[in-house]
Protein backbone atom coordinates (compact mmCIF):
# COMPACT_ATOMS: atom_id res chain seq x y z
CA MET A 1 16.31 -33.06 -68.12
CA SER A 2 15.45 -34.52 -64.81
CA LYS A 3 12.31 -33.98 -63.21
CA VAL A 4 11.24 -33.83 -59.37
CA SER A 5 8.05 -35.00 -57.73
CA HIS A 6 6.70 -34.18 -54.19
CA GLY A 7 3.58 -36.45 -53.53
CA GLY A 8 1.81 -35.40 -56.70
CA LYS A 9 2.34 -31.59 -56.23
CA GLY A 10 5.08 -29.85 -58.34
CA GLN A 11 5.20 -32.70 -61.00
CA GLY A 12 6.72 -31.34 -64.17
CA GLN A 13 8.86 -28.57 -62.38
CA GLN A 14 12.46 -28.43 -63.11
CA ALA A 15 15.02 -28.88 -60.57
CA VAL A 16 16.79 -25.77 -59.48
CA PRO A 17 20.60 -26.09 -59.99
CA PRO A 18 22.42 -25.35 -56.86
CA THR A 19 24.49 -22.68 -58.46
CA VAL A 20 21.23 -20.73 -59.38
CA LEU A 21 19.84 -21.13 -55.78
CA THR A 22 23.10 -19.69 -54.37
CA GLU A 23 23.01 -16.65 -56.59
CA LYS A 24 19.52 -15.98 -55.67
CA LEU A 25 20.33 -16.12 -51.89
CA SER A 26 23.32 -14.02 -52.51
CA THR A 27 21.12 -11.42 -54.29
CA TYR A 28 18.62 -11.20 -51.50
CA ALA A 29 21.42 -10.86 -48.91
CA PHE A 30 23.04 -8.14 -50.98
CA GLY A 31 19.67 -6.37 -51.31
CA THR A 32 19.13 -6.50 -47.58
CA VAL A 33 22.62 -5.12 -47.01
CA VAL A 34 22.01 -2.20 -49.56
CA ALA A 35 18.69 -1.46 -48.02
CA GLY A 36 20.33 -1.06 -44.53
CA ALA A 37 23.04 0.99 -46.00
CA VAL A 38 20.45 3.28 -47.63
CA MET A 39 18.52 3.66 -44.43
CA VAL A 40 21.67 4.60 -42.43
CA ALA A 41 22.73 7.10 -45.09
CA ALA A 42 19.25 8.65 -45.18
CA ALA A 43 19.31 9.04 -41.33
CA ALA A 44 22.65 10.60 -41.58
CA TRP A 45 21.70 13.04 -44.27
CA MET A 46 18.63 14.11 -42.22
CA GLY A 47 20.76 14.48 -39.21
CA GLY A 48 18.85 11.92 -37.33
CA SER A 49 19.25 8.16 -36.54
CA LEU A 50 17.59 5.02 -37.30
CA ALA A 51 15.74 5.21 -34.10
CA SER A 52 14.16 8.64 -35.16
CA ILE A 53 13.34 7.05 -38.47
CA ASP A 54 11.51 4.17 -36.74
CA GLU A 55 9.75 6.71 -34.54
CA ARG A 56 8.43 8.61 -37.53
CA ILE A 57 7.27 5.41 -39.31
CA GLN A 58 5.49 4.25 -36.18
CA SER A 59 3.76 7.68 -35.65
CA GLY A 60 2.72 7.59 -39.29
CA PHE A 61 1.38 4.05 -38.69
CA ASP A 62 -0.59 5.24 -35.62
CA LYS A 63 -2.07 8.09 -37.51
CA ILE A 64 -3.21 5.75 -40.33
CA ALA A 65 -4.75 3.45 -37.85
CA GLY A 66 -6.58 6.24 -36.04
CA ALA A 67 -7.95 7.53 -39.51
CA THR A 68 -9.23 4.15 -40.37
CA GLY A 69 -10.78 3.42 -37.15
CA PHE A 70 -8.55 0.81 -35.91
CA THR A 71 -7.89 2.29 -32.41
CA VAL A 72 -8.74 0.95 -28.97
CA ALA A 73 -12.23 2.17 -28.03
CA ASN A 74 -12.97 -0.26 -25.18
CA ILE A 75 -11.20 -2.84 -23.01
CA SER A 76 -13.73 -5.36 -21.64
CA VAL A 77 -12.82 -7.07 -18.35
CA GLU A 78 -15.93 -8.88 -17.02
CA GLY A 79 -16.71 -10.84 -13.88
CA LEU A 80 -13.79 -9.55 -11.72
CA GLY A 81 -13.64 -7.36 -8.64
CA PRO A 82 -12.31 -3.85 -8.77
CA GLY A 83 -8.89 -4.67 -7.50
CA ALA A 84 -8.31 -7.67 -10.17
CA LYS A 85 -9.86 -5.40 -12.80
CA ALA A 86 -7.51 -2.48 -12.13
CA ASP A 87 -4.47 -5.02 -11.97
CA ILE A 88 -5.40 -6.13 -15.42
CA LEU A 89 -5.86 -2.59 -16.85
CA ASN A 90 -2.51 -1.55 -15.38
CA ALA A 91 -0.74 -4.53 -16.89
CA ILE A 92 -2.20 -4.01 -20.34
CA GLY A 93 -1.02 -0.50 -20.31
CA MET A 94 -3.05 0.62 -23.22
CA GLU A 95 -5.36 3.64 -23.23
CA LYS A 96 -8.46 4.45 -25.63
CA GLY A 97 -7.19 5.62 -28.81
CA ALA A 98 -4.12 3.29 -28.96
CA ASN A 99 -3.40 1.64 -32.17
CA MET A 100 -5.24 -1.59 -32.25
CA PHE A 101 -2.33 -3.34 -34.13
CA ARG A 102 -0.24 -2.83 -31.18
CA ALA A 103 -2.63 -4.78 -28.87
CA ASP A 104 -0.90 -8.13 -29.52
CA PRO A 105 -3.06 -10.70 -27.52
CA PHE A 106 -0.16 -12.99 -26.90
CA LEU A 107 2.11 -10.14 -25.42
CA ILE A 108 -0.89 -9.09 -23.26
CA LYS A 109 -1.61 -12.46 -22.09
CA ALA A 110 2.07 -12.94 -21.03
CA ARG A 111 1.97 -9.77 -18.93
CA LEU A 112 -1.43 -10.85 -17.30
CA ASP A 113 -0.26 -14.40 -16.41
CA LYS A 114 2.35 -12.62 -14.09
CA LEU A 115 -0.30 -11.18 -12.04
CA ASP A 116 -1.13 -12.70 -8.63
CA SER A 117 -4.63 -11.65 -8.73
CA VAL A 118 -5.91 -13.61 -11.64
CA SER A 119 -5.57 -17.04 -13.40
CA GLN A 120 -6.93 -18.92 -16.53
CA VAL A 121 -6.44 -15.60 -18.65
CA SER A 122 -7.74 -15.50 -22.15
CA VAL A 123 -7.19 -12.26 -24.37
CA MET A 124 -9.03 -11.66 -27.68
CA ARG A 125 -8.83 -8.75 -30.01
CA GLN A 126 -12.08 -7.95 -31.37
CA TRP A 127 -11.69 -5.91 -34.53
CA PRO A 128 -11.84 -3.02 -35.28
CA ASN A 129 -11.63 -1.53 -31.82
CA GLU A 130 -12.27 -3.83 -28.58
CA ILE A 131 -9.92 -5.97 -26.46
CA TRP A 132 -11.67 -8.59 -24.31
CA VAL A 133 -10.09 -10.11 -21.33
CA ILE A 134 -11.56 -13.30 -19.67
CA ALA A 135 -9.99 -14.48 -16.34
CA ASP A 136 -10.68 -16.11 -13.12
CA GLU A 137 -10.14 -14.07 -9.98
CA ARG A 138 -7.99 -15.74 -7.48
CA ASN A 139 -9.21 -15.64 -3.90
CA PRO A 140 -7.15 -16.73 -0.72
CA LEU A 141 -8.56 -19.93 0.51
CA ALA A 142 -6.25 -21.49 2.97
CA LEU A 143 -2.71 -21.20 4.59
CA TRP A 144 -0.47 -24.17 3.52
CA GLN A 145 2.75 -24.97 5.26
CA HIS A 146 5.51 -26.83 3.12
CA ASP A 147 9.18 -27.30 3.83
CA GLY A 148 8.72 -25.11 7.09
CA GLU A 149 7.16 -22.16 5.15
CA TRP A 150 3.62 -20.96 4.98
CA HIS A 151 2.03 -19.95 1.70
CA VAL A 152 -1.42 -18.65 0.83
CA VAL A 153 -3.28 -20.75 -1.71
CA ASP A 154 -6.32 -19.85 -3.85
CA GLN A 155 -9.44 -21.60 -4.83
CA PHE A 156 -7.54 -23.79 -7.22
CA GLY A 157 -4.91 -24.95 -4.67
CA VAL A 158 -2.28 -22.78 -6.25
CA ALA A 159 0.06 -20.82 -3.97
CA PHE A 160 0.29 -16.90 -4.33
CA GLU A 161 3.73 -15.57 -5.01
CA HIS A 162 3.36 -12.14 -3.50
CA ILE A 163 0.88 -12.45 -0.65
CA GLU A 164 2.07 -12.47 2.99
CA PRO A 165 0.62 -15.29 5.01
CA GLN A 166 0.36 -12.90 7.99
CA ALA A 167 -2.23 -11.08 6.16
CA HIS A 168 -4.36 -14.20 6.19
CA SER A 169 -3.88 -15.55 9.51
CA ASP A 170 -7.59 -16.24 9.91
CA LEU A 171 -7.70 -18.76 7.05
CA PRO A 172 -7.90 -22.64 7.54
CA ARG A 173 -4.35 -24.31 7.66
CA VAL A 174 -3.16 -27.25 5.91
CA VAL A 175 0.25 -29.00 6.10
CA GLY A 176 2.29 -31.35 4.04
CA VAL A 177 3.24 -32.38 0.57
CA ASN A 178 0.12 -31.95 -1.79
CA GLY A 179 -1.67 -30.21 0.94
CA GLY A 180 -2.20 -26.79 -0.82
CA GLU A 181 -3.50 -28.73 -4.00
CA ALA A 182 -5.88 -30.95 -1.95
CA ALA A 183 -7.30 -28.10 0.24
CA PRO A 184 -9.95 -26.85 -2.04
CA ALA A 185 -11.55 -30.25 -2.23
CA LEU A 186 -11.38 -30.70 1.71
CA LEU A 187 -12.85 -27.26 2.56
CA ASP A 188 -15.50 -27.90 -0.12
CA LEU A 189 -16.63 -30.81 1.92
CA LEU A 190 -16.28 -29.38 5.28
CA LYS A 191 -18.51 -26.42 4.41
CA TYR A 192 -21.42 -28.80 4.99
CA TYR A 193 -20.21 -29.35 8.68
CA PRO A 194 -19.43 -25.81 9.80
CA ASP A 195 -19.61 -26.33 13.60
CA PHE A 196 -16.88 -29.29 13.25
CA ALA A 197 -14.96 -27.31 10.60
CA GLU A 198 -14.43 -24.33 12.84
CA ASN A 199 -12.78 -26.49 15.55
CA ILE A 200 -10.16 -27.86 13.29
CA GLU A 201 -6.87 -26.31 14.10
CA THR A 202 -4.79 -27.89 11.35
CA ALA A 203 -5.27 -30.53 8.59
CA LEU A 204 -2.17 -32.60 7.98
CA ARG A 205 -1.93 -34.11 4.43
CA VAL A 206 -0.55 -37.67 4.82
CA GLY A 207 0.87 -39.73 1.94
CA GLY A 208 -0.94 -37.48 -0.57
CA ARG A 209 -4.03 -39.44 -0.23
CA ARG A 210 -5.68 -38.74 3.29
CA TRP A 211 -5.85 -36.39 6.08
CA ASP A 212 -5.13 -36.23 9.82
CA LEU A 213 -7.23 -33.58 11.60
CA ARG A 214 -5.89 -31.92 14.68
CA MET A 215 -8.58 -30.31 16.54
CA THR A 216 -8.53 -27.03 18.73
CA SER A 217 -8.96 -29.14 21.86
CA GLY A 218 -5.79 -31.25 21.11
CA LEU A 219 -7.69 -34.20 19.81
CA GLU A 220 -6.39 -35.83 16.64
CA ILE A 221 -8.54 -37.77 14.12
CA SER A 222 -6.94 -39.91 11.41
CA MET A 223 -9.45 -40.02 8.58
CA PRO A 224 -9.30 -42.55 5.80
CA GLU A 225 -8.37 -42.02 2.09
CA ASP A 226 -10.21 -39.17 0.31
CA SER A 227 -12.84 -41.53 -1.17
CA GLY A 228 -14.11 -42.51 2.32
CA PHE A 229 -13.65 -39.22 4.13
CA ALA A 230 -17.35 -38.33 3.99
CA GLU A 231 -18.67 -41.48 5.48
CA ALA A 232 -15.98 -41.50 8.13
CA LEU A 233 -16.87 -38.07 9.05
CA GLU A 234 -20.52 -38.85 9.36
CA LEU A 235 -19.58 -41.69 11.66
CA VAL A 236 -17.46 -39.66 13.94
CA LEU A 237 -20.30 -37.11 14.31
CA LYS A 238 -22.86 -39.76 15.18
CA LEU A 239 -20.49 -41.26 17.66
CA ASP A 240 -20.06 -37.82 19.26
CA GLU A 241 -23.86 -37.38 19.51
CA SER A 242 -24.09 -40.34 21.75
CA THR A 243 -20.75 -40.19 23.61
CA GLY A 244 -19.51 -36.58 23.39
CA ILE A 245 -16.11 -38.00 22.34
CA LEU A 246 -15.07 -34.85 20.46
CA THR A 247 -15.18 -32.88 23.64
CA GLY A 248 -14.38 -35.72 26.08
CA HIS A 249 -11.40 -37.29 27.18
CA ALA A 250 -9.98 -38.71 23.96
CA ALA A 251 -6.35 -37.86 22.65
CA ARG A 252 -6.86 -39.64 19.28
CA ILE A 253 -9.45 -41.13 17.12
CA ASP A 254 -8.44 -43.44 14.32
CA ALA A 255 -11.34 -43.60 11.87
CA ARG A 256 -9.50 -45.20 8.96
CA ASP A 257 -11.48 -48.45 9.32
CA PRO A 258 -15.20 -47.65 8.93
CA VAL A 259 -16.15 -50.65 10.95
CA HIS A 260 -14.02 -50.39 13.98
CA PHE A 261 -12.69 -47.10 15.31
CA ALA A 262 -9.82 -47.14 17.71
CA ILE A 263 -9.93 -44.45 20.42
CA LEU A 264 -6.92 -43.42 22.50
CA PRO A 265 -7.72 -41.72 25.82
CA ASP A 266 -6.14 -38.68 26.84
CA ALA A 267 -3.82 -38.55 30.00
CA ASP A 268 -6.62 -37.59 32.53
CA MET A 269 -8.80 -40.60 31.17
CA ALA A 270 -5.84 -42.91 31.25
CA ARG A 271 -5.00 -42.04 34.82
CA LEU A 272 -8.58 -42.49 35.88
CA GLN A 273 -8.79 -45.86 34.22
CA ALA A 274 -5.67 -47.00 36.14
CA GLU A 275 -7.15 -45.81 39.46
CA THR A 276 -10.38 -47.64 38.90
CA THR A 277 -9.12 -50.86 37.66
CA ASP A 278 -9.11 -52.69 40.91
CA ILE A 279 -12.32 -51.94 43.12
CA PRO A 280 -12.09 -53.36 46.63
CA ASP A 281 -14.67 -55.78 47.70
CA ARG A 282 -17.38 -54.54 49.98
CA GLY A 283 -16.65 -57.30 52.26
CA ALA A 284 -13.00 -56.78 52.58
């Protein structure tokens, strides 16, 4: 009789003829059908239904879990504010005393992932009676305009789905593709220059690699790529110390070249320059 081999495991076992395998599968299928028929017949005999049988089974299962101590005694949610914690507890939907076997961490995580208030969610079932939830609370960081619509983004640069921008009109504003994602790094740097930052009206993301800053005065500052942003900003601020250019008559500062800044005067300065270009000779 022929032998079968599977990489050293199962050597010496006889091959199962197809007819025998087919007969076994048929037997299992028949057994399943018979078991189902018996359940239906039992339900009909008791004047109930499959649903009522399932409820009785589940109720018995809950009683066994309670008797053996496998019930939820504590749901631990650490490091979050009251609002986010309440959102999590409501989404879990389990109270103390519930069957621990019903606390499926994968199903709980799927529900929590839909919340706007938290991210990076992890759920662990600590036997016999605790559920641990670890998550990061999402905080509104900036307003981001994309395709003509404003969104609120969090400290990770991710847009909220259910928060109205009008409720956070005081947040810094960024515009453009990749602007929301890049906002956390920009604002983290600008926190070291609070006086300058509070006079930024809008930060426009250009090419996904640098920023144009529009100040409340109307001045626009073209910054270099992100790697050179901090150095360029320091130079702009030093220039302002000696010339007052940030509050003077400039319409645009091109700071993309750290060696040579290009400055475009505003309309008033341009007109003044035109008027004083030709100074008449005293002897004329």
